[in-house]
Protein backbone atom coordinates (compact mmCIF):
# COMPACT_ATOMS: atom_id res chain seq x y z
CA MET A 1 -36.73 -29.45 -4.82
CA ASN A 2 -34.96 -30.13 -1.38
CA LYS A 3 -32.45 -31.63 -2.90
CA LEU A 4 -32.12 -28.28 -5.13
CA TYR A 5 -32.00 -26.39 -1.79
CA ARG A 6 -29.11 -28.64 -0.14
CA THR A 7 -26.69 -27.35 -3.16
CA ILE A 8 -27.19 -24.11 -2.64
CA PRO A 9 -22.97 -23.20 -1.14
CA LYS A 10 -22.67 -22.20 2.35
CA VAL A 11 -22.04 -18.50 2.87
CA ASP A 12 -18.76 -19.00 4.67
CA VAL A 13 -17.64 -21.05 1.85
CA VAL A 14 -18.67 -18.67 -0.78
CA MET A 15 -16.81 -16.03 1.69
CA GLY A 16 -13.42 -18.13 1.46
CA GLU A 17 -13.53 -17.93 -2.08
CA PRO A 18 -10.46 -16.29 -4.16
CA ALA A 19 -12.95 -13.88 -5.94
CA LEU A 20 -13.75 -12.11 -2.51
CA LYS A 21 -10.22 -12.50 -0.94
CA GLY A 22 -9.28 -9.56 -3.02
CA LEU A 23 -11.95 -7.15 -2.22
CA VAL A 24 -10.78 -4.07 -0.31
CA TYR A 25 -14.31 -3.59 1.48
CA SER A 26 -15.22 -4.50 4.75
CA PRO A 27 -15.91 -8.35 5.93
CA GLU A 28 -19.47 -7.30 6.71
CA LEU A 29 -20.27 -5.43 3.73
CA ILE A 30 -19.23 -8.45 1.21
CA LYS A 31 -21.32 -10.93 3.93
CA ARG A 32 -24.24 -9.08 3.26
CA ALA A 33 -23.61 -9.26 -0.30
CA VAL A 34 -23.04 -12.61 -0.23
CA HIS A 35 -26.44 -13.34 1.74
CA LEU A 36 -28.64 -11.34 -0.77
CA ARG A 37 -27.13 -13.44 -3.41
CA ILE A 38 -27.76 -16.48 -1.69
CA ASP A 39 -31.19 -15.62 -1.23
CA ASN A 40 -32.00 -14.65 -4.46
CA ILE A 41 -30.66 -18.07 -5.73
CA ARG A 42 -33.33 -19.90 -2.80
CA ALA A 43 -35.91 -17.64 -4.36
CA GLY A 44 -35.40 -18.68 -7.97
CA ILE A 45 -35.52 -22.40 -6.71
CA SER A 46 -38.81 -21.49 -4.91
CA GLN A 47 -40.32 -20.11 -8.27
CA GLY A 48 -39.22 -22.51 -10.80
CA THR A 49 -36.73 -20.11 -12.25
CA VAL A 50 -33.32 -21.84 -11.02
CA SER A 51 -32.84 -24.79 -11.92
CA GLN A 52 -29.37 -25.65 -10.88
CA SER A 53 -27.87 -23.68 -7.73
CA PRO A 54 -24.43 -22.12 -9.05
CA ASP A 55 -21.55 -23.27 -7.26
CA ALA A 56 -19.19 -21.50 -4.28
CA ALA A 57 -17.04 -20.20 -6.90
CA THR A 58 -19.37 -18.71 -9.19
CA VAL A 59 -21.59 -17.20 -6.51
CA SER A 60 -18.16 -15.20 -5.10
CA GLN A 61 -17.45 -14.23 -8.86
CA ASP A 62 -21.15 -12.67 -8.90
CA VAL A 63 -20.95 -11.42 -5.67
CA ALA A 64 -17.79 -9.59 -6.58
CA ARG A 65 -19.06 -7.94 -9.54
CA ASP A 66 -22.23 -6.69 -7.49
CA ILE A 67 -19.84 -5.22 -5.24
CA ILE A 68 -17.45 -3.49 -7.85
CA SER A 69 -20.65 -2.13 -9.81
CA ILE A 70 -22.56 -0.57 -6.68
CA MET A 71 -19.38 0.77 -4.69
CA GLU A 72 -17.26 1.92 -7.61
CA SER A 73 -20.00 3.19 -9.44
CA GLY A 74 -20.52 7.72 -9.46
CA LEU A 75 -20.86 10.19 -12.13
CA THR A 76 -19.11 10.12 -15.21
CA GLY A 77 -17.81 12.93 -17.05
CA VAL A 78 -19.49 14.21 -20.27
CA ILE A 79 -18.15 15.88 -23.18
CA ASN A 80 -21.33 17.74 -24.38
CA ALA A 81 -21.61 18.01 -27.86
CA ALA A 82 -24.99 18.10 -28.16
CA GLY A 83 -25.43 21.91 -28.58
CA VAL A 84 -27.89 22.21 -25.73
CA ILE A 85 -26.07 24.56 -23.28
CA VAL A 86 -28.17 23.99 -19.93
CA TYR A 87 -28.63 20.42 -20.31
CA THR A 88 -30.86 19.33 -17.92
CA ASN A 89 -29.99 15.47 -17.61
CA MET A 90 -25.97 16.28 -17.61
CA GLY A 91 -26.19 18.80 -14.89
CA ARG A 92 -27.14 21.82 -16.07
CA ALA A 93 -24.83 24.63 -15.82
CA PRO A 94 -21.19 23.76 -15.76
CA LEU A 95 -19.54 26.58 -12.81
CA CYS A 96 -16.92 28.87 -13.41
CA GLU A 97 -13.20 27.80 -12.08
CA GLU A 98 -13.58 30.51 -9.34
CA ALA A 99 -16.78 29.20 -7.89
CA VAL A 100 -15.28 25.59 -8.10
CA GLN A 101 -12.34 26.93 -6.01
CA ALA A 102 -15.17 28.77 -3.46
CA MET A 103 -16.77 25.38 -3.36
CA ALA A 104 -13.57 23.32 -2.38
CA GLU A 105 -12.50 25.75 0.07
CA ALA A 106 -15.99 25.80 2.10
CA ALA A 107 -15.91 22.19 1.75
CA ARG A 108 -12.22 21.82 3.16
CA GLY A 109 -12.86 22.93 6.46
CA TYR A 110 -15.19 25.31 8.89
CA SER A 111 -16.24 28.58 8.33
CA ASP A 112 -19.07 30.82 9.63
CA LEU A 113 -21.96 29.24 7.94
CA GLU A 114 -24.19 30.06 10.93
CA TYR A 115 -21.90 31.40 13.37
CA ASP A 116 -22.15 35.16 14.00
CA LEU A 117 -18.21 35.96 14.27
CA GLU A 118 -18.55 39.42 15.69
CA GLN A 119 -21.44 38.69 18.26
CA GLY A 120 -19.70 35.29 19.25
CA ARG A 121 -23.29 33.42 18.90
CA ARG A 122 -25.67 31.44 16.65
CA GLY A 123 -26.36 33.47 13.14
CA SER A 124 -27.99 32.38 9.84
CA ARG A 125 -26.53 30.83 7.01
CA GLN A 126 -28.56 33.42 4.61
CA ASN A 127 -27.01 36.16 5.62
CA HIS A 128 -23.82 35.04 3.64
CA ILE A 129 -26.08 35.16 0.59
CA ARG A 130 -29.43 37.13 1.19
CA PRO A 131 -28.09 40.48 1.08
CA LEU A 132 -25.78 39.44 -2.06
CA THR A 133 -28.45 38.37 -4.01
CA ARG A 134 -30.94 41.41 -3.23
CA ALA A 135 -28.18 43.86 -3.96
CA CYS A 136 -27.38 42.13 -7.04
CA PHE A 137 -30.73 41.92 -8.78
CA GLY A 138 -32.26 45.34 -6.89
CA SER A 139 -34.84 43.58 -5.28
CA GLU A 140 -36.42 44.72 -2.10
CA ASP A 141 -35.55 41.11 -0.21
CA ALA A 142 -34.28 38.01 -1.20
CA LEU A 143 -34.37 34.29 -0.07
CA VAL A 144 -32.42 31.22 -1.32
CA VAL A 145 -33.11 27.94 -0.88
CA ASN A 146 -32.39 24.31 -2.51
CA ASN A 147 -33.66 24.49 -5.97
CA ASN A 148 -36.73 26.18 -7.86
CA ALA A 149 -38.99 23.76 -7.03
CA ALA A 150 -38.59 24.18 -3.35
CA ALA A 151 -38.96 27.81 -3.79
CA VAL A 152 -42.35 27.38 -5.40
CA LEU A 153 -43.28 24.88 -2.29
CA LEU A 154 -42.26 27.32 0.25
CA ILE A 155 -44.15 30.59 -1.44
CA LEU A 156 -47.44 28.84 -1.81
CA SER A 157 -47.03 27.72 1.97
CA SER A 158 -46.31 30.75 3.32
CA LEU A 159 -48.86 32.91 1.26
CA ALA A 160 -51.44 30.56 0.06
CA SER A 161 -51.86 27.56 2.80
CA GLY A 162 -55.73 27.48 2.79
CA LYS A 163 -56.18 30.19 -0.09
CA GLU A 164 -56.87 29.90 -3.55
CA VAL A 165 -54.63 30.36 -5.93
CA ILE A 166 -55.55 31.66 -9.29
CA VAL A 167 -53.66 30.21 -12.56
CA SER A 168 -54.39 29.64 -16.02
CA ARG A 169 -54.54 26.10 -17.27
CA GLY A 170 -52.31 26.79 -19.88
CA GLU A 171 -49.92 26.98 -17.28
CA LEU A 172 -50.21 23.99 -15.33
CA VAL A 173 -46.90 22.76 -16.16
CA GLU A 174 -45.03 19.47 -15.73
CA ILE A 175 -41.38 19.66 -16.30
CA GLY A 176 -38.88 16.82 -15.75
CA GLY A 177 -38.96 14.48 -13.21
CA SER A 178 -42.99 14.60 -13.11
CA PHE A 179 -42.76 17.97 -11.45
CA ARG A 180 -46.73 19.10 -11.65
CA MET A 181 -47.80 22.51 -10.46
CA PRO A 182 -51.03 21.15 -9.47
CA GLU A 183 -49.58 18.68 -7.09
CA VAL A 184 -47.26 20.85 -5.63
CA MET A 185 -50.13 23.29 -4.64
CA THR A 186 -51.95 20.69 -3.19
CA MET A 187 -48.62 19.62 -0.99
CA SER A 188 -48.59 23.24 -0.19
CA GLY A 189 -52.13 23.47 1.39
CA ALA A 190 -53.08 25.99 -1.53
CA ILE A 191 -56.41 25.55 -3.33
CA MET A 192 -55.63 25.67 -7.00
CA LYS A 193 -58.16 28.08 -9.08
CA GLU A 194 -57.78 26.89 -12.91
CA VAL A 195 -58.77 29.77 -15.07
CA GLY A 196 -59.38 30.01 -18.91
CA ALA A 197 -58.66 27.42 -21.47
CA THR A 198 -55.50 25.53 -22.43
CA ASN A 199 -55.16 27.57 -25.61
CA LYS A 200 -56.68 31.07 -24.15
CA THR A 201 -56.78 32.94 -20.76
CA LYS A 202 -57.94 36.28 -20.72
CA LEU A 203 -58.06 38.84 -17.84
CA SER A 204 -61.49 38.77 -17.31
CA ASP A 205 -61.03 34.68 -16.71
CA TYR A 206 -58.96 36.10 -13.35
CA GLU A 207 -61.57 38.74 -12.84
CA ASN A 208 -64.34 36.20 -12.49
CA ALA A 209 -62.21 33.95 -10.35
CA ILE A 210 -61.55 36.59 -7.33
CA SER A 211 -63.29 35.81 -4.15
CA ASP A 212 -63.05 36.41 -0.51
CA ASN A 213 -60.54 33.62 -0.22
CA THR A 214 -58.18 34.60 -3.23
CA GLY A 215 -54.86 34.19 -1.92
CA LEU A 216 -52.50 34.73 -4.71
CA ILE A 217 -52.55 35.10 -8.11
CA ILE A 218 -49.66 33.29 -10.23
CA LYS A 219 -47.81 33.47 -13.39
CA VAL A 220 -46.15 30.34 -14.65
CA HIS A 221 -43.21 30.15 -17.47
CA ARG A 222 -43.76 27.41 -19.72
CA SER A 223 -41.09 25.64 -19.09
CA ASN A 224 -39.93 22.80 -22.48
CA PHE A 225 -42.94 23.92 -24.29
CA SER A 226 -44.95 26.80 -26.33
CA ILE A 227 -48.60 27.42 -27.03
CA VAL A 228 -48.58 28.91 -30.45
CA GLY A 229 -51.28 29.58 -32.99
CA PHE A 230 -55.19 30.58 -31.75
CA SER A 231 -53.92 31.73 -28.45
CA GLU A 232 -53.79 34.34 -25.75
CA GLU A 233 -52.26 35.09 -22.25
CA VAL A 234 -52.43 37.60 -19.89
CA GLU A 235 -49.23 39.98 -19.66
CA ILE A 236 -47.33 40.08 -16.09
CA ARG A 237 -47.94 43.81 -15.98
CA GLU A 238 -51.96 43.24 -16.46
CA LEU A 239 -51.77 40.35 -13.77
CA SER A 240 -49.74 43.05 -11.31
CA ALA A 241 -52.74 45.75 -11.98
CA LEU A 242 -55.11 43.49 -11.06
CA ALA A 243 -53.30 41.99 -8.05
CA GLN A 244 -52.88 45.47 -6.77
CA LYS A 245 -56.31 46.21 -7.59
CA ILE A 246 -57.70 43.48 -5.08
CA GLY A 247 -54.96 43.57 -2.81
CA VAL A 248 -53.25 40.26 -3.34
CA PRO A 249 -49.95 39.22 -4.15
CA LEU A 250 -48.69 38.56 -7.87
CA TYR A 251 -46.20 35.53 -8.11
CA VAL A 252 -44.07 34.89 -11.28
CA ASP A 253 -42.82 31.53 -11.45
CA MET A 254 -40.20 32.13 -13.95
CA GLY A 255 -38.44 28.79 -13.72
CA SER A 256 -35.09 29.87 -15.69
CA GLY A 257 -33.61 32.71 -14.60
CA VAL A 258 -32.49 34.96 -17.48
CA PRO A 259 -30.61 37.73 -15.93
CA PHE A 260 -30.77 40.21 -19.03
CA ASP A 261 -32.25 40.36 -22.38
CA LEU A 262 -30.82 38.20 -24.98
CA ALA A 263 -32.47 39.33 -27.98
CA PRO A 264 -28.76 40.77 -28.97
CA TYR A 265 -27.63 37.02 -28.90
CA GLY A 266 -30.31 35.71 -31.31
CA ILE A 267 -33.22 34.78 -28.45
CA PRO A 268 -35.71 37.61 -28.62
CA GLY A 269 -39.05 37.50 -26.26
CA GLU A 270 -37.55 35.37 -22.90
CA TRP A 271 -38.83 36.58 -19.32
CA THR A 272 -35.78 38.24 -17.73
CA ILE A 273 -35.16 39.21 -13.89
CA PRO A 274 -35.53 42.80 -14.32
CA GLY A 275 -38.40 42.93 -16.45
CA CYS A 276 -40.65 40.44 -14.01
CA LEU A 277 -39.57 42.09 -10.83
CA GLU A 278 -40.73 45.37 -12.17
CA TYR A 279 -44.35 43.95 -11.68
CA ALA A 280 -44.12 40.90 -9.32
CA ASP A 281 -44.29 40.82 -5.63
CA VAL A 282 -42.70 37.82 -5.37
CA LEU A 283 -40.37 35.79 -8.09
CA SER A 284 -38.15 32.49 -8.41
CA PHE A 285 -35.99 31.02 -10.46
CA SER A 286 -33.65 28.28 -10.74
CA GLY A 287 -29.75 29.25 -10.18
CA ASP A 288 -28.08 26.64 -12.31
CA LYS A 289 -29.90 27.13 -15.38
CA VAL A 290 -29.20 30.45 -17.59
CA LEU A 291 -27.99 32.55 -14.21
CA GLY A 292 -25.11 29.82 -14.72
CA GLY A 293 -24.54 28.88 -10.86
CA PRO A 294 -25.14 26.30 -8.65
CA GLN A 295 -28.29 24.35 -7.75
CA ALA A 296 -30.39 26.88 -5.88
CA GLY A 297 -33.90 28.29 -6.12
CA ILE A 298 -33.86 32.11 -5.82
CA ILE A 299 -36.45 33.94 -4.54
CA LEU A 300 -36.92 37.59 -4.62
CA GLY A 301 -39.83 40.43 -3.71
CA ARG A 302 -41.44 42.34 -0.84
CA SER A 303 -39.87 42.24 2.31
CA ALA A 304 -42.84 42.03 4.09
CA LEU A 305 -43.76 38.44 1.90
CA VAL A 306 -39.96 36.95 1.85
CA GLU A 307 -39.75 37.37 5.74
CA ARG A 308 -42.84 35.16 6.17
CA MET A 309 -41.04 32.60 4.05
CA ALA A 310 -37.93 33.00 6.11
CA LYS A 311 -40.23 32.19 9.26
CA ASN A 312 -41.67 29.58 7.82
CA PRO A 313 -40.45 25.95 9.34
CA LEU A 314 -40.49 24.61 5.95
CA HIS A 315 -37.65 26.65 4.85
CA ARG A 316 -35.40 24.71 7.06
CA ALA A 317 -36.04 21.84 5.17
CA LEU A 318 -35.54 23.49 1.68
CA ARG A 319 -32.51 25.50 3.17
CA ILE A 320 -29.38 25.85 0.71
CA ASP A 321 -26.06 24.12 1.78
CA LYS A 322 -22.67 25.71 2.47
CA LEU A 323 -21.08 24.60 -0.99
CA ALA A 324 -24.19 26.10 -3.18
CA ILE A 325 -23.81 29.46 -1.12
CA ALA A 326 -20.07 29.60 -1.86
CA SER A 327 -20.04 28.83 -5.50
CA LEU A 328 -23.63 31.13 -6.04
CA GLY A 329 -21.80 34.00 -4.44
CA ILE A 330 -18.98 33.98 -6.50
CA THR A 331 -21.31 33.75 -9.72
CA LEU A 332 -23.53 36.67 -8.13
CA ARG A 333 -20.61 38.76 -7.88
CA LEU A 334 -19.50 38.38 -11.45
CA LEU A 335 -23.14 39.27 -12.88
CA ALA A 336 -22.82 42.42 -10.77
CA LYS A 337 -19.52 43.02 -12.17
CA GLY A 338 -20.80 42.62 -15.86
CA ARG A 339 -18.09 39.50 -16.27
CA HIS A 340 -20.56 37.64 -18.09
CA SER A 341 -17.88 35.83 -20.11
CA GLU A 342 -16.23 34.28 -16.69
CA ILE A 343 -19.90 32.68 -16.37
CA PRO A 344 -19.72 29.50 -18.69
CA VAL A 345 -23.17 29.34 -19.75
CA LEU A 346 -23.29 33.38 -20.34
CA ARG A 347 -20.28 32.98 -22.38
CA MET A 348 -21.73 29.99 -24.49
CA ILE A 349 -24.84 32.33 -24.74
CA CYS A 350 -23.08 35.32 -25.76
CA GLU A 351 -19.88 34.46 -27.71
CA SER A 352 -19.35 35.38 -31.31
CA VAL A 353 -20.44 32.36 -33.61
CA ASP A 354 -16.87 32.85 -35.39
CA ASP A 355 -15.36 31.74 -32.18
CA VAL A 356 -17.81 28.61 -32.58
CA LYS A 357 -16.59 27.89 -35.87
CA ALA A 358 -12.99 28.26 -35.06
CA ARG A 359 -13.40 25.21 -32.37
CA ALA A 360 -15.12 23.28 -35.00
CA ARG A 361 -12.24 23.72 -37.78
CA ARG A 362 -9.76 22.64 -35.07
CA LEU A 363 -11.99 19.56 -34.19
CA LYS A 364 -12.02 18.54 -37.86
CA ARG A 365 -7.82 19.15 -38.07
CA LEU A 366 -7.59 16.63 -34.96
CA ILE A 367 -9.85 14.12 -36.61
CA THR A 368 -8.08 11.64 -38.46
CA ARG A 369 -9.83 8.02 -38.24
CA THR A 370 -12.85 9.26 -40.16
CA LYS A 371 -13.91 11.75 -42.86
CA ALA A 372 -15.46 14.64 -40.87
CA GLN A 373 -16.83 17.96 -42.34
CA VAL A 374 -17.58 21.64 -40.74
CA ILE A 375 -21.06 22.47 -40.92
CA PRO A 376 -23.52 25.55 -39.57
CA THR A 377 -25.96 24.02 -36.88
CA ARG A 378 -28.46 25.44 -34.62
CA ALA A 379 -27.92 25.54 -30.58
CA VAL A 380 -30.25 26.05 -27.82
CA VAL A 381 -30.47 27.19 -24.21
CA GLY A 382 -32.24 24.34 -22.78
CA GLY A 383 -33.21 23.84 -19.20
CA GLY A 384 -36.90 25.10 -20.26
CA SER A 385 -35.16 28.38 -21.28
CA ALA A 386 -36.71 29.61 -24.82
CA PRO A 387 -38.16 26.26 -25.98
CA THR A 388 -39.41 27.44 -29.51
CA LYS A 389 -35.61 29.36 -29.82
CA SER A 390 -32.32 28.26 -31.41
CA PHE A 391 -29.32 30.48 -32.79
CA PRO A 392 -26.57 30.02 -35.02
CA SER A 393 -23.58 27.71 -34.11
CA TRP A 394 -20.93 25.50 -35.62
CA GLY A 395 -20.33 21.79 -35.69
CA VAL A 396 -18.63 18.95 -37.10
CA CYS A 397 -20.34 15.97 -39.18
CA ILE A 398 -19.53 12.73 -39.37
CA THR A 399 -21.66 10.69 -41.67
CA THR A 400 -22.29 6.73 -41.15
CA LYS A 401 -24.20 4.05 -41.71
CA SER A 402 -24.25 3.17 -38.14
CA ALA A 403 -24.44 6.80 -36.23
CA SER A 404 -26.67 5.00 -33.43
CA GLY A 405 -24.14 2.67 -32.75
CA PHE A 406 -21.17 4.83 -32.95
CA HIS A 407 -22.97 7.13 -30.60
CA ALA A 408 -23.81 4.10 -27.96
CA SER A 409 -19.77 4.02 -28.52
CA LEU A 410 -19.01 7.52 -27.60
CA ARG A 411 -20.85 7.33 -24.51
CA LYS A 412 -18.84 4.38 -23.17
CA THR A 413 -15.81 5.98 -23.19
CA ASN A 414 -14.01 8.36 -20.43
CA PRO A 415 -14.76 10.72 -20.82
CA ALA A 416 -18.34 9.98 -22.32
CA VAL A 417 -19.25 11.77 -25.06
CA VAL A 418 -23.00 12.95 -26.23
CA CYS A 419 -23.81 14.79 -29.68
CA ARG A 420 -26.66 14.48 -31.95
CA ILE A 421 -27.61 12.11 -34.48
CA GLU A 422 -29.49 13.81 -37.53
CA ASP A 423 -30.58 11.76 -40.22
CA ASP A 424 -27.23 9.16 -40.75
CA SER A 425 -24.77 11.80 -39.28
CA LEU A 426 -23.44 12.35 -35.77
CA ILE A 427 -23.29 16.08 -35.35
CA PHE A 428 -20.54 17.13 -32.47
CA ASP A 429 -22.04 20.78 -31.88
CA MET A 430 -19.14 23.29 -30.94
CA LYS A 431 -21.12 25.55 -29.16
CA THR A 432 -21.02 23.40 -25.86
CA VAL A 433 -17.46 22.17 -26.34
CA ASP A 434 -14.91 24.27 -24.70
CA VAL A 435 -11.82 24.78 -26.14
CA SER A 436 -10.04 22.86 -23.19
CA ARG A 437 -12.09 19.86 -24.39
CA ILE A 438 -11.24 19.93 -28.02
CA ARG A 439 -8.12 17.53 -27.86
CA ASP A 440 -9.97 15.08 -25.64
CA LEU A 441 -13.45 15.16 -27.76
CA ALA A 442 -11.05 14.28 -31.03
CA ASP A 443 -9.21 11.57 -28.91
CA ARG A 444 -12.56 10.02 -28.10
CA ILE A 445 -13.95 10.23 -31.55
CA ASN A 446 -10.73 8.48 -33.04
CA GLU A 447 -10.74 6.00 -30.57
CA VAL A 448 -14.29 4.92 -31.74
CA PHE A 449 -13.61 5.35 -35.21
CA SER A 450 -10.44 3.52 -35.16
């Protein structure tokens, strides 16, 4: 074994190899990578998994590949042809061009983010988004933080630390990234008091759970799943009446902020911001789901309660950044003006199915390397919204014996392409493909099938 250790190439020798000479990164970074690779070789010899040390040229080539892989990695553009509008794993809501420009302008230079130009002293970043959010939704007050998970934590910490929070067992949700409501409650200092059963919770269950230490009643939107069949739940308005009766706040965590009724567009029965705000003392939702803005957690509610959150030291750790303030501001102004078609998510939800069919026909015409056909499909909102509902769409179908293999190849193109596989067919749902990306999508399909 000692002989093996002596065959490990020295760091300086590896550093002198041609594979590392051409790298544009600092000598210190490269040297750290060489040390790490040699340490791994040494550990492999010690564990008996390496029987012969590679030479200096091989080590240098491995190090070069490691460095390039790490330093040149980053986000890859994706054409979403899956028919999932708010695709969480692909970045949720695409922003409108005006919001993107506002972010770029905010990033390019200095701004009055936390500076009061009139008074010549420190200001608050919330002054740039809080009044606008309040006005947009007609709420008594508002606060905006990093995301809805942050909003939940801040609300519970501010209003119910050391107090009991009454919640239905059917609403103890876990969403993506192992975000679990019980664990967040524990972290906030609130004491969770479960009521009812998984499939049935009655008003009497809430009433029987009330104690002198009750601090909050919470109603949670069931993101990504639904309880159907032999089930029962208490409506928000009923919980509001109970909360008023006992003098504690009602908090509604609606998850995905649906700004208006989607029934005319084939998605009935979803909670809406105005509907929840009518009964809730405090309400929170995501900015980057159905609202169509950047990542943000939007809190609406009574002034006295929201002010307690604003003054909570935790607020600083969860605060929204300047880029999100800039882009959310644009999104809210468009929403307030009724210019929904300029917000990509809302445009996709509300657009005519004939427009989607036209895009599908255009894609089919551009596909020249394989047979394709235009077919009716069903698209979904995604992002935890309307988990059991879909609505009409159109797409392009390519039937092949190796659908999964071709899909894997499509994911390696630039931009990458993600679609659906149904039976032995690739389905390119055009609900989520903008007209500006049709040519790119066709080129990638032709490339893979050539």
